[in-house]
Amino acid sequence: MNRIRHFALLVLLCLHVQPASAHDLERTKVFLTFAADGSFVLDVENDPKWLRLRLERFAETPPAPGTTDEQRLRDLGPIFMDRIVLFVDGHEIRPMSVEYHDTGYQLRGRMPIDAHTLRWYYGMVIDPYPLTIRRADGRVMNDWVLGDAWSDTLDLSNQFRPPSRLQVVRQYLALGYTHILPKGIDHILFVLGLFLLSVRLKPILMQVTTFTIAHSITLGLTMYGIVSLPSRVVEPLIALSIAYVAIENLVTTELKPWRLALVFSFGLLHGMGFAGVLKELGLPRSEFLTALLTFNLGVEGGQLTVIGIACLCVIWFRHHNWYHRRIVVPASMAIAAIGVYWTITRVWGI
């Protein structure tokens, strides 16, 4: 009964946590995509209400009565274009057009095909945000920009030459690994839920192997366009899988056959989640299979690192008779509460 009360308390605490940072209001994402002819498309995503309030400060004329956010943001496009700066090889490159869509502004322009360096500035945001560069050669660069600051100097050289296999291996191994550590908190919690079931090594290895086989299958099938589910379905189910494995840890310490079957099913879902991320990053056309395999290997490396760290944290006392009561139960309750909270928020789009 006490466990149920504690679990309910954790769920309520999660449900009452409200985001407080400015970044949640800004919701800034920037994507800069190059084509082989030197043209580029710049997509800047922000919360529309927040963006309108910021741009209105620079507008010379007030909006007409009854103007919607989308209509007003279309009118404010030229003002927005003045808020961003693209410096290429020390010279400013101005976009040639700006349009507003449902998710944000899209700017188009052209730069020299022999460009070597790029620096980016967006003068309206406060908190860090991701800048994703999709090069013409298929490679993807990611940089976190510290709010109202210049980006790092990004290398644009040789982007019209296909990347070597070694370059692809290095890049996508790193992308797969960092998708788990430190970025993949939902996948980390799922792997920890698997780890907490038993103190013995065999159940851990059986679950992780089953999970790996399953998510590798759907990662490949989804990337090749054979299977597909919308993220609004996949993401809540991933959250529900986290809650399930954690809740089961509260009632058993043995690996049951149905647990392996469910872990396999959950692995299929997580594979689709990995594929969604990989589609956003893009794959080089010349080394598609190499990038896909090395990304998956990077994911495996991240998962094994999570398990290794967990083992080091509990190795000295996991065989004590109080280990399940003092470590497994509280940790599983916390993971379950987070999983339930994420399921609710993802279903309702909160």
Protein backbone atom coordinates (compact mmCIF):
# COMPACT_ATOMS: atom_id res chain seq x y z
CA MET A 1 0.00 0.00 0.00
CA ASN A 2 2.86 2.37 0.82
CA ARG A 3 4.36 1.71 -2.61
CA ILE A 4 1.10 2.71 -4.27
CA ARG A 5 0.93 5.91 -2.24
CA HIS A 6 4.52 6.79 -3.09
CA PHE A 7 3.95 6.08 -6.77
CA ALA A 8 0.80 8.24 -6.83
CA LEU A 9 2.70 11.06 -5.13
CA LEU A 10 5.45 10.90 -7.74
CA VAL A 11 2.91 11.03 -10.57
CA LEU A 12 1.21 14.07 -9.03
CA LEU A 13 4.53 15.83 -8.59
CA CYS A 14 5.40 15.22 -12.23
CA LEU A 15 2.01 16.50 -13.37
CA HIS A 16 2.49 19.71 -11.42
CA VAL A 17 5.92 20.47 -12.84
CA GLN A 18 5.56 23.40 -15.22
CA PRO A 19 8.30 24.53 -17.59
CA ALA A 20 9.70 27.84 -16.47
CA SER A 21 12.49 28.70 -18.87
CA ALA A 22 12.27 31.25 -21.66
CA HIS A 23 13.39 28.56 -24.08
CA ASP A 24 10.04 26.78 -23.64
CA LEU A 25 8.35 29.99 -24.79
CA GLU A 26 10.80 30.61 -27.63
CA ARG A 27 10.93 26.98 -28.84
CA THR A 28 13.73 27.96 -31.17
CA LYS A 29 15.07 25.58 -33.83
CA VAL A 30 17.13 26.61 -36.83
CA PHE A 31 17.78 24.51 -39.95
CA LEU A 32 20.06 25.65 -42.79
CA THR A 33 19.93 23.40 -45.86
CA PHE A 34 22.28 23.74 -48.84
CA ALA A 35 21.70 22.53 -52.39
CA ALA A 36 24.39 21.53 -54.89
CA ASP A 37 24.06 24.81 -56.82
CA GLY A 38 24.92 26.95 -53.79
CA SER A 39 21.34 27.93 -52.96
CA PHE A 40 20.15 27.55 -49.38
CA VAL A 41 16.92 27.33 -47.41
CA LEU A 42 16.90 28.68 -43.86
CA ASP A 43 14.06 27.53 -41.59
CA VAL A 44 13.67 29.26 -38.21
CA GLU A 45 11.04 27.82 -35.89
CA ASN A 46 9.60 29.74 -32.93
CA ASP A 47 6.42 29.88 -30.92
CA PRO A 48 4.21 32.22 -33.02
CA LYS A 49 2.76 34.23 -30.14
CA TRP A 50 6.20 34.80 -28.64
CA LEU A 51 7.64 35.72 -32.04
CA ARG A 52 4.89 38.19 -32.81
CA LEU A 53 5.37 39.98 -29.50
CA ARG A 54 9.10 40.31 -30.13
CA LEU A 55 8.74 41.57 -33.70
CA GLU A 56 5.98 44.07 -32.90
CA ARG A 57 8.56 46.13 -31.03
CA PHE A 58 10.30 46.87 -34.33
CA ALA A 59 7.17 47.45 -36.44
CA GLU A 60 6.45 51.03 -37.55
CA THR A 61 2.71 50.47 -38.06
CA PRO A 62 0.27 48.68 -35.73
CA PRO A 63 -1.66 45.63 -36.95
CA ALA A 64 -5.18 45.99 -38.28
CA PRO A 65 -7.92 45.00 -35.82
CA GLY A 66 -8.62 41.27 -35.85
CA THR A 67 -5.33 40.35 -37.50
CA THR A 68 -4.35 36.78 -36.66
CA ASP A 69 -0.84 35.82 -35.54
CA GLU A 70 -0.17 34.10 -38.87
CA GLN A 71 -1.32 37.10 -40.93
CA ARG A 72 0.68 39.52 -38.84
CA LEU A 73 3.82 37.39 -38.96
CA ARG A 74 3.61 37.31 -42.75
CA ASP A 75 3.58 41.12 -42.73
CA LEU A 76 6.51 41.21 -40.31
CA GLY A 77 8.70 38.99 -42.52
CA PRO A 78 11.06 41.77 -43.70
CA ILE A 79 11.59 42.86 -40.09
CA PHE A 80 12.40 39.29 -39.10
CA MET A 81 14.92 39.03 -41.93
CA ASP A 82 16.79 41.99 -40.42
CA ARG A 83 17.11 40.13 -37.10
CA ILE A 84 19.33 37.37 -38.52
CA VAL A 85 22.87 37.53 -39.89
CA LEU A 86 24.76 35.00 -42.05
CA PHE A 87 28.49 35.71 -42.26
CA VAL A 88 30.24 33.62 -44.92
CA ASP A 89 34.04 33.95 -45.21
CA GLY A 90 33.81 37.27 -43.38
CA HIS A 91 31.09 38.76 -45.61
CA GLU A 92 27.39 39.07 -44.89
CA ILE A 93 25.07 37.04 -47.14
CA ARG A 94 21.53 38.38 -47.35
CA PRO A 95 18.58 36.06 -48.06
CA MET A 96 16.64 36.93 -51.20
CA SER A 97 13.14 36.03 -49.93
CA VAL A 98 11.23 35.37 -46.73
CA GLU A 99 7.93 33.55 -46.16
CA TYR A 100 6.02 32.60 -43.03
CA HIS A 101 4.61 29.08 -42.66
CA ASP A 102 2.85 27.29 -39.81
CA THR A 103 6.09 26.40 -38.01
CA GLY A 104 8.08 29.56 -38.62
CA TYR A 105 9.93 31.64 -41.18
CA GLN A 106 11.59 30.22 -44.27
CA LEU A 107 14.27 32.28 -45.99
CA ARG A 108 15.95 31.48 -49.30
CA GLY A 109 19.18 32.72 -50.80
CA ARG A 110 22.44 31.78 -52.45
CA MET A 111 26.08 31.79 -51.43
CA PRO A 112 29.37 31.04 -53.20
CA ILE A 113 29.88 27.34 -53.86
CA ASP A 114 33.49 27.73 -52.74
CA ALA A 115 32.46 29.05 -49.29
CA HIS A 116 34.70 27.88 -46.44
CA THR A 117 33.29 29.22 -43.15
CA LEU A 118 29.95 30.30 -41.73
CA ARG A 119 28.91 32.18 -38.61
CA TRP A 120 25.28 32.70 -37.63
CA TYR A 121 23.55 35.24 -35.41
CA TYR A 122 19.91 35.49 -34.31
CA GLY A 123 19.40 38.50 -32.14
CA MET A 124 16.04 37.85 -30.47
CA VAL A 125 16.49 34.73 -28.37
CA ILE A 126 17.82 34.28 -24.84
CA ASP A 127 18.31 30.59 -24.16
CA PRO A 128 20.50 28.08 -26.06
CA TYR A 129 18.98 26.55 -29.19
CA PRO A 130 20.04 23.99 -31.85
CA LEU A 131 21.41 25.05 -35.25
CA THR A 132 21.39 22.20 -37.79
CA ILE A 133 23.36 22.56 -41.03
CA ARG A 134 22.46 20.11 -43.79
CA ARG A 135 25.29 20.22 -46.28
CA ALA A 136 24.95 19.59 -50.01
CA ASP A 137 27.05 16.42 -49.64
CA GLY A 138 24.48 14.92 -47.24
CA ARG A 139 26.45 15.45 -44.06
CA VAL A 140 24.82 17.14 -41.11
CA MET A 141 26.45 19.50 -38.60
CA ASN A 142 24.86 20.42 -35.31
CA ASP A 143 25.77 23.36 -33.12
CA TRP A 144 24.20 24.69 -29.93
CA VAL A 145 24.09 28.46 -30.02
CA LEU A 146 24.13 30.25 -26.67
CA GLY A 147 21.08 32.43 -27.14
CA ASP A 148 21.95 36.03 -28.03
CA ALA A 149 25.45 35.12 -29.23
CA TRP A 150 27.28 34.20 -32.41
CA SER A 151 27.46 30.57 -33.39
CA ASP A 152 30.77 28.77 -33.59
CA THR A 153 32.66 29.10 -36.86
CA LEU A 154 31.30 26.25 -38.97
CA ASP A 155 33.24 24.55 -41.76
CA LEU A 156 31.45 24.60 -45.12
CA SER A 157 34.41 23.62 -47.30
CA ASN A 158 34.22 20.75 -49.80
CA GLN A 159 30.53 20.25 -49.19
CA PHE A 160 29.89 19.57 -52.86
CA ARG A 161 32.18 16.53 -52.78
CA PRO A 162 30.74 13.25 -51.47
CA PRO A 163 32.07 12.37 -47.99
CA SER A 164 34.53 9.52 -47.62
CA ARG A 165 33.39 6.31 -45.93
CA LEU A 166 35.66 7.00 -42.97
CA GLN A 167 34.13 10.47 -42.52
CA VAL A 168 30.64 8.95 -42.57
CA VAL A 169 31.61 6.27 -40.03
CA ARG A 170 33.07 8.82 -37.63
CA GLN A 171 30.17 11.23 -37.92
CA TYR A 172 27.30 8.75 -37.59
CA LEU A 173 28.92 6.75 -34.81
CA ALA A 174 29.11 9.99 -32.85
CA LEU A 175 25.53 10.96 -33.77
CA GLY A 176 24.19 7.57 -32.66
CA TYR A 177 26.12 7.63 -29.40
CA THR A 178 25.14 11.20 -28.48
CA HIS A 179 21.51 10.43 -29.29
CA ILE A 180 21.64 8.16 -26.22
CA LEU A 181 24.21 10.03 -24.11
CA PRO A 182 23.46 12.71 -23.21
CA LYS A 183 20.41 13.51 -25.38
CA GLY A 184 18.21 10.40 -25.16
CA ILE A 185 16.77 10.61 -21.67
CA ASP A 186 13.72 8.49 -22.62
CA HIS A 187 15.92 5.71 -24.01
CA ILE A 188 18.24 5.97 -20.99
CA LEU A 189 15.33 5.48 -18.61
CA PHE A 190 14.06 2.49 -20.59
CA VAL A 191 17.49 0.80 -20.48
CA LEU A 192 17.75 1.52 -16.74
CA GLY A 193 14.31 -0.05 -16.30
CA LEU A 194 15.63 -3.20 -17.97
CA PHE A 195 18.75 -3.13 -15.80
CA LEU A 196 16.85 -2.84 -12.52
CA LEU A 197 14.82 -6.05 -12.95
CA SER A 198 17.43 -8.46 -11.64
CA VAL A 199 20.84 -8.50 -9.98
CA ARG A 200 21.99 -11.28 -12.32
CA LEU A 201 23.86 -10.56 -15.55
CA LYS A 202 22.01 -13.06 -17.76
CA PRO A 203 18.56 -11.39 -17.56
CA ILE A 204 20.14 -8.02 -18.32
CA LEU A 205 21.96 -9.36 -21.39
CA MET A 206 18.86 -11.22 -22.64
CA GLN A 207 16.71 -8.09 -22.40
CA VAL A 208 19.27 -5.78 -23.97
CA THR A 209 19.95 -8.24 -26.80
CA THR A 210 16.22 -8.60 -27.48
CA PHE A 211 15.78 -4.82 -27.41
CA THR A 212 18.77 -4.31 -29.74
CA ILE A 213 17.55 -6.83 -32.33
CA ALA A 214 14.07 -5.29 -32.34
CA HIS A 215 15.06 -1.64 -32.68
CA SER A 216 17.66 -2.51 -35.33
CA ILE A 217 14.91 -4.14 -37.41
CA THR A 218 12.54 -1.18 -37.37
CA LEU A 219 15.34 1.37 -37.70
CA GLY A 220 16.34 -0.22 -41.00
CA LEU A 221 12.79 -0.87 -42.24
CA THR A 222 11.68 2.67 -41.42
CA MET A 223 14.70 4.30 -43.06
CA TYR A 224 14.08 2.29 -46.23
CA GLY A 225 10.42 3.35 -46.20
CA ILE A 226 9.02 -0.15 -45.68
CA VAL A 227 7.22 0.58 -42.39
CA SER A 228 6.13 3.83 -40.84
CA LEU A 229 4.10 5.18 -37.95
CA PRO A 230 3.52 8.87 -37.14
CA SER A 231 5.50 10.27 -34.24
CA ARG A 232 2.26 11.21 -32.44
CA VAL A 233 1.67 7.45 -32.08
CA VAL A 234 5.26 6.31 -31.54
CA GLU A 235 6.30 8.82 -28.89
CA PRO A 236 3.45 8.16 -26.39
CA LEU A 237 3.97 4.41 -26.79
CA ILE A 238 7.69 4.80 -26.07
CA ALA A 239 6.78 6.68 -22.88
CA LEU A 240 4.30 3.94 -21.97
CA SER A 241 7.01 1.29 -22.47
CA ILE A 242 9.21 3.12 -19.97
CA ALA A 243 6.41 3.13 -17.40
CA TYR A 244 5.62 -0.56 -17.97
CA VAL A 245 9.12 -1.99 -17.44
CA ALA A 246 9.56 0.15 -14.33
CA ILE A 247 6.20 -0.88 -12.84
CA GLU A 248 6.92 -4.55 -13.48
CA ASN A 249 10.19 -4.17 -11.54
CA LEU A 250 8.05 -3.40 -8.47
CA VAL A 251 6.26 -6.76 -8.53
CA THR A 252 8.89 -9.24 -9.73
CA THR A 253 12.62 -9.87 -9.82
CA GLU A 254 12.47 -12.71 -12.35
CA LEU A 255 12.68 -12.47 -16.14
CA LYS A 256 9.40 -13.88 -17.44
CA PRO A 257 8.86 -14.99 -21.07
CA TRP A 258 6.23 -12.31 -21.62
CA ARG A 259 8.69 -9.65 -20.51
CA LEU A 260 11.04 -10.58 -23.34
CA ALA A 261 8.14 -10.51 -25.80
CA LEU A 262 7.13 -7.06 -24.59
CA VAL A 263 10.73 -5.82 -24.63
CA PHE A 264 10.93 -6.93 -28.26
CA SER A 265 7.70 -5.06 -29.05
CA PHE A 266 8.94 -1.97 -27.24
CA GLY A 267 12.23 -2.25 -29.11
CA LEU A 268 10.32 -2.05 -32.40
CA LEU A 269 8.79 1.22 -31.21
CA HIS A 270 12.11 2.65 -30.07
CA GLY A 271 13.61 1.77 -33.45
CA MET A 272 10.99 3.95 -35.13
CA GLY A 273 11.92 6.72 -32.70
CA PHE A 274 15.59 6.38 -33.68
CA ALA A 275 14.58 6.47 -37.34
CA GLY A 276 12.67 9.72 -36.80
CA VAL A 277 15.81 11.35 -35.44
CA LEU A 278 17.95 9.93 -38.25
CA LYS A 279 15.54 11.24 -40.88
CA GLU A 280 15.88 14.72 -39.40
CA LEU A 281 19.66 14.45 -39.49
CA GLY A 282 19.70 13.11 -43.04
CA LEU A 283 21.84 10.38 -44.58
CA PRO A 284 24.50 10.83 -47.27
CA ARG A 285 23.21 9.37 -50.53
CA SER A 286 26.61 7.91 -51.44
CA GLU A 287 27.03 6.05 -48.11
CA PHE A 288 23.44 5.45 -47.00
CA LEU A 289 23.94 1.92 -45.63
CA THR A 290 27.25 2.79 -43.95
CA ALA A 291 25.65 5.76 -42.17
CA LEU A 292 22.64 3.66 -41.12
CA LEU A 293 24.78 0.84 -39.67
CA THR A 294 27.23 3.12 -37.87
CA PHE A 295 24.43 5.22 -36.38
CA ASN A 296 22.95 2.00 -34.99
CA LEU A 297 26.35 0.96 -33.62
CA GLY A 298 26.64 4.35 -31.95
CA VAL A 299 23.24 3.82 -30.33
CA GLU A 300 24.41 0.42 -29.03
CA GLY A 301 27.54 1.99 -27.64
CA GLY A 302 25.45 4.56 -25.80
CA GLN A 303 23.18 1.89 -24.33
CA LEU A 304 26.11 -0.24 -23.19
CA THR A 305 27.67 2.82 -21.57
CA VAL A 306 24.43 3.42 -19.63
CA ILE A 307 24.47 -0.18 -18.39
CA GLY A 308 28.17 0.02 -17.55
CA ILE A 309 27.67 3.19 -15.50
CA ALA A 310 24.67 1.64 -13.73
CA CYS A 311 26.73 -1.46 -12.87
CA LEU A 312 29.53 0.66 -11.44
CA CYS A 313 27.04 2.57 -9.29
CA VAL A 314 25.57 -0.54 -7.64
CA ILE A 315 28.27 -3.20 -7.98
CA TRP A 316 29.30 -3.02 -4.30
CA PHE A 317 25.87 -3.53 -2.79
CA ARG A 318 23.56 -5.10 -5.40
CA HIS A 319 23.76 -8.48 -3.65
CA HIS A 320 22.68 -7.12 -0.26
CA ASN A 321 19.22 -8.17 0.89
CA TRP A 322 18.11 -4.51 1.06
CA TYR A 323 19.15 -3.72 -2.56
CA HIS A 324 15.69 -4.29 -4.05
CA ARG A 325 13.88 -2.40 -1.28
CA ARG A 326 16.17 0.62 -1.12
CA ILE A 327 17.45 0.93 -4.70
CA VAL A 328 15.22 -0.90 -7.18
CA VAL A 329 11.86 0.13 -5.73
CA PRO A 330 12.51 3.91 -5.40
CA ALA A 331 14.33 4.11 -8.75
CA SER A 332 11.63 2.12 -10.55
CA MET A 333 8.88 4.24 -9.00
CA ALA A 334 10.59 7.41 -10.17
CA ILE A 335 11.08 6.04 -13.71
CA ALA A 336 7.46 4.82 -13.81
CA ALA A 337 6.16 8.22 -12.70
CA ILE A 338 8.16 9.97 -15.41
CA GLY A 339 6.94 7.44 -18.00
CA VAL A 340 3.30 7.98 -17.00
CA TYR A 341 3.76 11.76 -17.07
CA TRP A 342 5.35 11.65 -20.54
CA THR A 343 2.59 9.37 -21.81
CA ILE A 344 -0.08 11.84 -20.70
CA THR A 345 1.73 14.90 -22.07
CA ARG A 346 2.52 13.24 -25.40
CA VAL A 347 -1.02 11.96 -25.90
CA TRP A 348 -2.52 15.36 -25.16
CA GLY A 349 0.27 17.35 -26.83
CA ILE A 350 1.02 19.32 -23.67
